[in-house]
Amino acid sequence: MLAPDRGLFEGSPRKLWPVHNVMAVRTRLFKIVGMALAHCILQCEMGIPFFAEPLVTYMLCDNEEDCLAQLSLEDMPESDTKSIVLEVIQCLFVCQHISI
């Protein structure tokens, strides 16, 4: 259910993030996964050990600021987005060290 090849989540184990998947939303697949996770938490007391910590904070507290405070590059899945963020950071670093 949480395997990256299902098109619902991406990232490494214990650092999964949901992906933008319109078909999964339309077919209510995300809702089904959410219900299964809620059942696991309430009935089995297993917690949510497969999601990135900032995501868990957001799901439990619905507080975007707390989520962003915990967020780091290590939490990002290996994707094009991460490489773009790293490029921007490198560019900012170079620009700060160039004297004009």
Protein backbone atom coordinates (compact mmCIF):
# COMPACT_ATOMS: atom_id res chain seq x y z
CA MET A 1 0.00 0.00 0.00
CA LEU A 2 2.80 2.45 0.84
CA ALA A 3 5.30 1.14 -1.72
CA PRO A 4 6.68 3.91 -3.96
CA ASP A 5 5.74 1.97 -7.12
CA ARG A 6 2.03 2.39 -6.28
CA GLY A 7 2.21 6.09 -7.17
CA LEU A 8 1.01 7.39 -3.80
CA PHE A 9 4.22 8.08 -1.92
CA GLU A 10 7.86 8.74 -2.69
CA GLY A 11 11.02 8.72 -0.64
CA SER A 12 13.00 6.26 1.38
CA PRO A 13 11.56 4.04 4.11
CA ARG A 14 10.63 6.07 7.20
CA LYS A 15 10.77 9.26 5.12
CA LEU A 16 7.80 8.90 2.79
CA TRP A 17 5.92 11.87 1.36
CA PRO A 18 2.64 11.82 -0.58
CA VAL A 19 2.93 12.58 -4.28
CA HIS A 20 0.63 14.70 -6.41
CA ASN A 21 -1.58 12.04 -7.98
CA VAL A 22 -4.89 13.29 -9.35
CA MET A 23 -6.09 9.80 -10.23
CA ALA A 24 -5.51 8.57 -6.66
CA VAL A 25 -7.55 11.51 -5.37
CA ARG A 26 -10.37 10.96 -7.86
CA THR A 27 -10.59 7.24 -7.09
CA ARG A 28 -10.46 8.00 -3.36
CA LEU A 29 -7.34 5.88 -2.96
CA PHE A 30 -5.75 8.42 -0.60
CA LYS A 31 -8.89 8.31 1.54
CA ILE A 32 -8.72 4.52 1.71
CA VAL A 33 -5.04 4.63 2.67
CA GLY A 34 -5.83 7.24 5.32
CA MET A 35 -8.59 5.09 6.77
CA ALA A 36 -6.27 2.06 6.86
CA LEU A 37 -3.58 4.11 8.62
CA ALA A 38 -6.10 5.47 11.12
CA HIS A 39 -7.24 1.91 11.83
CA CYS A 40 -3.63 0.81 12.38
CA ILE A 41 -3.02 3.67 14.79
CA LEU A 42 -6.25 3.27 16.75
CA GLN A 43 -6.58 -0.52 16.81
CA CYS A 44 -3.03 -1.81 16.54
CA GLU A 45 -1.18 1.04 18.29
CA MET A 46 1.55 0.83 15.67
CA GLY A 47 2.01 4.53 15.04
CA ILE A 48 3.18 5.99 11.76
CA PRO A 49 6.80 4.83 11.41
CA PHE A 50 7.03 5.23 7.62
CA PHE A 51 6.41 8.96 7.09
CA ALA A 52 8.88 11.82 7.39
CA GLU A 53 8.74 13.42 10.85
CA PRO A 54 7.64 16.88 9.59
CA LEU A 55 4.73 15.23 7.75
CA VAL A 56 3.66 13.35 10.89
CA THR A 57 3.78 16.61 12.86
CA TYR A 58 1.58 18.28 10.25
CA MET A 59 -0.90 15.37 10.17
CA LEU A 60 -1.20 15.22 13.95
CA CYS A 61 -1.10 18.93 14.81
CA ASP A 62 -2.26 20.60 11.58
CA ASN A 63 0.39 23.25 12.25
CA GLU A 64 2.31 24.31 9.18
CA GLU A 65 4.88 26.35 11.14
CA ASP A 66 5.91 23.39 13.32
CA CYS A 67 6.16 21.24 10.22
CA LEU A 68 8.39 23.76 8.41
CA ALA A 69 10.60 24.20 11.49
CA GLN A 70 11.45 20.47 11.38
CA LEU A 71 11.91 20.26 7.62
CA SER A 72 15.39 19.62 6.20
CA LEU A 73 16.86 18.55 2.86
CA GLU A 74 17.38 15.04 4.23
CA ASP A 75 13.59 14.73 4.54
CA MET A 76 13.03 15.42 0.85
CA PRO A 77 12.66 12.38 -1.39
CA GLU A 78 15.22 11.88 -4.12
CA SER A 79 13.51 13.66 -6.96
CA ASP A 80 13.82 16.51 -9.40
CA THR A 81 12.52 18.89 -6.74
CA LYS A 82 15.41 18.09 -4.42
CA SER A 83 17.98 18.68 -7.15
CA ILE A 84 16.37 22.03 -8.02
CA VAL A 85 16.39 23.10 -4.35
CA LEU A 86 20.06 22.12 -4.08
CA GLU A 87 20.87 24.14 -7.22
CA VAL A 88 19.12 27.21 -5.79
CA ILE A 89 20.97 26.86 -2.48
CA GLN A 90 24.31 26.56 -4.30
CA CYS A 91 23.47 29.59 -6.41
CA LEU A 92 22.55 31.64 -3.33
CA PHE A 93 25.76 30.57 -1.62
CA VAL A 94 27.85 31.64 -4.64
CA CYS A 95 25.98 34.96 -4.95
CA GLN A 96 26.59 35.77 -1.27
CA HIS A 97 30.33 35.27 -1.69
CA ILE A 98 30.73 37.40 -4.82
CA SER A 99 31.65 40.97 -4.05
CA ILE A 100 30.10 43.42 -6.48
